[in-house]
Amino acid sequence: MELNIQEIRKLLNILSDELEKLDDKKLILSNDDLYWNIPDKEMYDPYKEPTDFTMGSLAEDCFFTEGFKRRTGND
């Protein structure tokens, strides 16, 4: 499978434009921000039930992206 980077950029721009149309310019994450994280090798095998679960957190994901933006000078 190949992904065209220009198409991904176009879709992200459309998503950003739609988010900016919202009255409240912020998205609020609830305290229930945990999710199940399943490794790709298990997630995409429909013939085997996943067993290697970890927990993910939207708040931690946001902190990670903020740090990434600072390190790359895009803040």
N, C-alpha and C. Protein backbone atom coordinates (compact mmCIF):
# COMPACT_ATOMS: atom_id res chain seq x y z
N MET A 1 0.85 -1.18 0.00
CA MET A 1 0.00 0.00 0.00
C MET A 1 0.89 1.24 0.00
N GLU A 2 0.54 2.19 -0.79
CA GLU A 2 1.28 3.45 -0.85
C GLU A 2 0.36 4.60 -0.48
N LEU A 3 0.90 5.56 0.25
CA LEU A 3 0.14 6.76 0.61
C LEU A 3 0.80 7.96 -0.05
N ASN A 4 0.01 8.75 -0.70
CA ASN A 4 0.49 9.96 -1.34
C ASN A 4 0.53 11.07 -0.29
N ILE A 5 1.70 11.59 -0.02
CA ILE A 5 1.86 12.59 1.03
C ILE A 5 1.03 13.84 0.74
N GLN A 6 0.93 14.22 -0.52
CA GLN A 6 0.12 15.41 -0.87
C GLN A 6 -1.35 15.18 -0.53
N GLU A 7 -1.86 13.96 -0.74
CA GLU A 7 -3.25 13.66 -0.41
C GLU A 7 -3.47 13.69 1.10
N ILE A 8 -2.50 13.17 1.85
CA ILE A 8 -2.60 13.21 3.31
C ILE A 8 -2.60 14.66 3.78
N ARG A 9 -1.71 15.47 3.22
CA ARG A 9 -1.66 16.90 3.58
C ARG A 9 -3.00 17.57 3.26
N LYS A 10 -3.58 17.26 2.11
CA LYS A 10 -4.86 17.84 1.72
C LYS A 10 -5.96 17.47 2.72
N LEU A 11 -6.00 16.18 3.11
CA LEU A 11 -7.01 15.74 4.08
C LEU A 11 -6.81 16.40 5.44
N LEU A 12 -5.56 16.52 5.88
CA LEU A 12 -5.30 17.19 7.16
C LEU A 12 -5.70 18.66 7.11
N ASN A 13 -5.47 19.31 5.99
CA ASN A 13 -5.88 20.71 5.83
C ASN A 13 -7.40 20.84 5.88
N ILE A 14 -8.10 19.91 5.23
CA ILE A 14 -9.56 19.95 5.27
C ILE A 14 -10.05 19.77 6.70
N LEU A 15 -9.48 18.81 7.41
CA LEU A 15 -9.86 18.58 8.81
C LEU A 15 -9.59 19.83 9.65
N SER A 16 -8.42 20.44 9.47
CA SER A 16 -8.08 21.66 10.22
C SER A 16 -9.06 22.78 9.91
N ASP A 17 -9.39 22.95 8.64
CA ASP A 17 -10.34 24.00 8.25
C ASP A 17 -11.70 23.78 8.90
N GLU A 18 -12.16 22.54 8.94
CA GLU A 18 -13.46 22.24 9.56
C GLU A 18 -13.42 22.48 11.06
N LEU A 19 -12.33 22.12 11.71
CA LEU A 19 -12.20 22.36 13.15
C LEU A 19 -12.21 23.85 13.46
N GLU A 20 -11.57 24.64 12.61
CA GLU A 20 -11.53 26.09 12.84
C GLU A 20 -12.89 26.74 12.67
N LYS A 21 -13.82 26.09 12.01
CA LYS A 21 -15.17 26.63 11.84
C LYS A 21 -16.02 26.48 13.10
N LEU A 22 -15.56 25.67 14.04
CA LEU A 22 -16.31 25.47 15.27
C LEU A 22 -16.37 26.77 16.06
N ASP A 23 -17.48 26.98 16.77
CA ASP A 23 -17.63 28.18 17.59
C ASP A 23 -16.57 28.25 18.67
N ASP A 24 -16.37 27.15 19.36
CA ASP A 24 -15.36 27.08 20.41
C ASP A 24 -14.09 26.56 19.77
N LYS A 25 -13.06 27.36 19.75
CA LYS A 25 -11.83 27.03 19.02
C LYS A 25 -10.95 26.01 19.74
N LYS A 26 -11.48 25.37 20.77
CA LYS A 26 -10.71 24.37 21.50
C LYS A 26 -11.48 23.07 21.57
N LEU A 27 -10.75 21.98 21.53
CA LEU A 27 -11.34 20.67 21.78
C LEU A 27 -11.05 20.32 23.23
N ILE A 28 -12.06 19.88 23.94
CA ILE A 28 -11.88 19.55 25.35
C ILE A 28 -11.87 18.04 25.50
N LEU A 29 -10.82 17.55 26.09
CA LEU A 29 -10.71 16.11 26.35
C LEU A 29 -11.31 15.82 27.71
N SER A 30 -12.07 14.76 27.79
CA SER A 30 -12.65 14.39 29.09
C SER A 30 -11.60 13.70 29.94
N ASN A 31 -11.92 13.49 31.19
CA ASN A 31 -11.01 12.77 32.07
C ASN A 31 -10.92 11.29 31.69
N ASP A 32 -11.87 10.83 30.89
CA ASP A 32 -11.88 9.44 30.43
C ASP A 32 -11.11 9.36 29.11
N ASP A 33 -9.82 9.64 29.17
CA ASP A 33 -9.05 9.73 27.94
C ASP A 33 -8.25 8.47 27.62
N LEU A 34 -8.47 7.41 28.39
CA LEU A 34 -7.70 6.18 28.18
C LEU A 34 -8.30 5.35 27.05
N TYR A 35 -7.45 4.65 26.34
CA TYR A 35 -7.89 3.77 25.28
C TYR A 35 -6.99 2.54 25.24
N TRP A 36 -7.50 1.48 24.62
CA TRP A 36 -6.69 0.28 24.45
C TRP A 36 -5.78 0.48 23.25
N ASN A 37 -4.51 0.18 23.45
CA ASN A 37 -3.53 0.23 22.37
C ASN A 37 -3.18 -1.21 22.01
N ILE A 38 -3.37 -1.56 20.75
CA ILE A 38 -3.09 -2.92 20.28
C ILE A 38 -2.00 -2.82 19.22
N PRO A 39 -0.91 -3.57 19.37
CA PRO A 39 0.17 -3.52 18.39
C PRO A 39 -0.33 -3.86 16.98
N ASP A 40 0.27 -3.21 15.96
CA ASP A 40 -0.17 -3.41 14.58
C ASP A 40 -0.23 -4.87 14.17
N LYS A 41 0.78 -5.65 14.58
CA LYS A 41 0.82 -7.05 14.15
C LYS A 41 -0.41 -7.82 14.61
N GLU A 42 -1.00 -7.40 15.72
CA GLU A 42 -2.21 -8.06 16.22
C GLU A 42 -3.47 -7.36 15.73
N MET A 43 -3.40 -6.06 15.59
CA MET A 43 -4.58 -5.28 15.21
C MET A 43 -5.07 -5.66 13.81
N TYR A 44 -4.15 -5.95 12.92
CA TYR A 44 -4.53 -6.19 11.53
C TYR A 44 -4.55 -7.66 11.16
N ASP A 45 -4.62 -8.54 12.14
CA ASP A 45 -4.76 -9.97 11.88
C ASP A 45 -6.16 -10.39 12.30
N PRO A 46 -7.10 -10.43 11.35
CA PRO A 46 -8.49 -10.72 11.72
C PRO A 46 -8.73 -12.16 12.16
N TYR A 47 -7.73 -13.02 12.01
CA TYR A 47 -7.89 -14.42 12.35
C TYR A 47 -7.40 -14.76 13.76
N LYS A 48 -6.85 -13.77 14.44
CA LYS A 48 -6.32 -14.01 15.78
C LYS A 48 -6.81 -12.92 16.72
N GLU A 49 -7.31 -13.32 17.86
CA GLU A 49 -7.78 -12.34 18.84
C GLU A 49 -6.57 -11.68 19.51
N PRO A 50 -6.55 -10.35 19.57
CA PRO A 50 -5.40 -9.65 20.18
C PRO A 50 -5.24 -10.02 21.66
N THR A 51 -4.00 -10.16 22.10
CA THR A 51 -3.72 -10.48 23.49
C THR A 51 -2.71 -9.54 24.12
N ASP A 52 -2.02 -8.75 23.32
CA ASP A 52 -0.93 -7.89 23.82
C ASP A 52 -1.40 -6.44 23.92
N PHE A 53 -2.32 -6.19 24.86
CA PHE A 53 -2.90 -4.86 25.03
C PHE A 53 -2.03 -4.00 25.95
N THR A 54 -1.98 -2.72 25.64
CA THR A 54 -1.44 -1.73 26.57
C THR A 54 -2.46 -0.59 26.63
N MET A 55 -2.26 0.31 27.57
CA MET A 55 -3.17 1.45 27.68
C MET A 55 -2.53 2.68 27.04
N GLY A 56 -3.34 3.44 26.34
CA GLY A 56 -2.91 4.71 25.80
C GLY A 56 -3.70 5.83 26.45
N SER A 57 -3.20 7.04 26.35
CA SER A 57 -3.86 8.19 26.95
C SER A 57 -3.83 9.36 25.98
N LEU A 58 -5.00 9.95 25.70
CA LEU A 58 -5.05 11.10 24.82
C LEU A 58 -4.25 12.27 25.39
N ALA A 59 -4.29 12.44 26.71
CA ALA A 59 -3.53 13.53 27.34
C ALA A 59 -2.03 13.33 27.10
N GLU A 60 -1.55 12.10 27.28
CA GLU A 60 -0.13 11.83 27.03
C GLU A 60 0.21 12.02 25.56
N ASP A 61 -0.71 11.65 24.67
CA ASP A 61 -0.49 11.86 23.24
C ASP A 61 -0.35 13.35 22.93
N CYS A 62 -1.18 14.17 23.59
CA CYS A 62 -1.10 15.62 23.38
C CYS A 62 0.23 16.17 23.88
N PHE A 63 0.67 15.73 25.06
CA PHE A 63 1.98 16.17 25.57
C PHE A 63 3.09 15.77 24.61
N PHE A 64 3.01 14.57 24.04
CA PHE A 64 4.01 14.10 23.10
C PHE A 64 4.05 15.00 21.86
N THR A 65 2.88 15.32 21.31
CA THR A 65 2.85 16.14 20.10
C THR A 65 3.34 17.56 20.39
N GLU A 66 3.03 18.09 21.58
CA GLU A 66 3.55 19.42 21.94
C GLU A 66 5.07 19.40 22.02
N GLY A 67 5.63 18.36 22.61
CA GLY A 67 7.09 18.24 22.69
C GLY A 67 7.70 18.10 21.31
N PHE A 68 7.04 17.35 20.43
CA PHE A 68 7.52 17.18 19.07
C PHE A 68 7.54 18.52 18.34
N LYS A 69 6.47 19.29 18.50
CA LYS A 69 6.41 20.60 17.85
C LYS A 69 7.55 21.50 18.33
N ARG A 70 7.83 21.50 19.64
CA ARG A 70 8.91 22.33 20.18
C ARG A 70 10.26 21.88 19.64
N ARG A 71 10.50 20.56 19.61
CA ARG A 71 11.79 20.05 19.13
C ARG A 71 12.02 20.35 17.66
N THR A 72 10.95 20.42 16.87
CA THR A 72 11.11 20.67 15.45
C THR A 72 10.97 22.15 15.12
N GLY A 73 10.73 22.98 16.14
CA GLY A 73 10.62 24.42 15.91
C GLY A 73 9.32 24.83 15.26
N ASN A 74 8.27 24.01 15.41
CA ASN A 74 6.97 24.32 14.79
C ASN A 74 5.92 24.70 15.81
N ASP A 75 6.31 25.36 16.88
CA ASP A 75 5.32 25.72 17.89
C ASP A 75 4.86 27.11 17.67
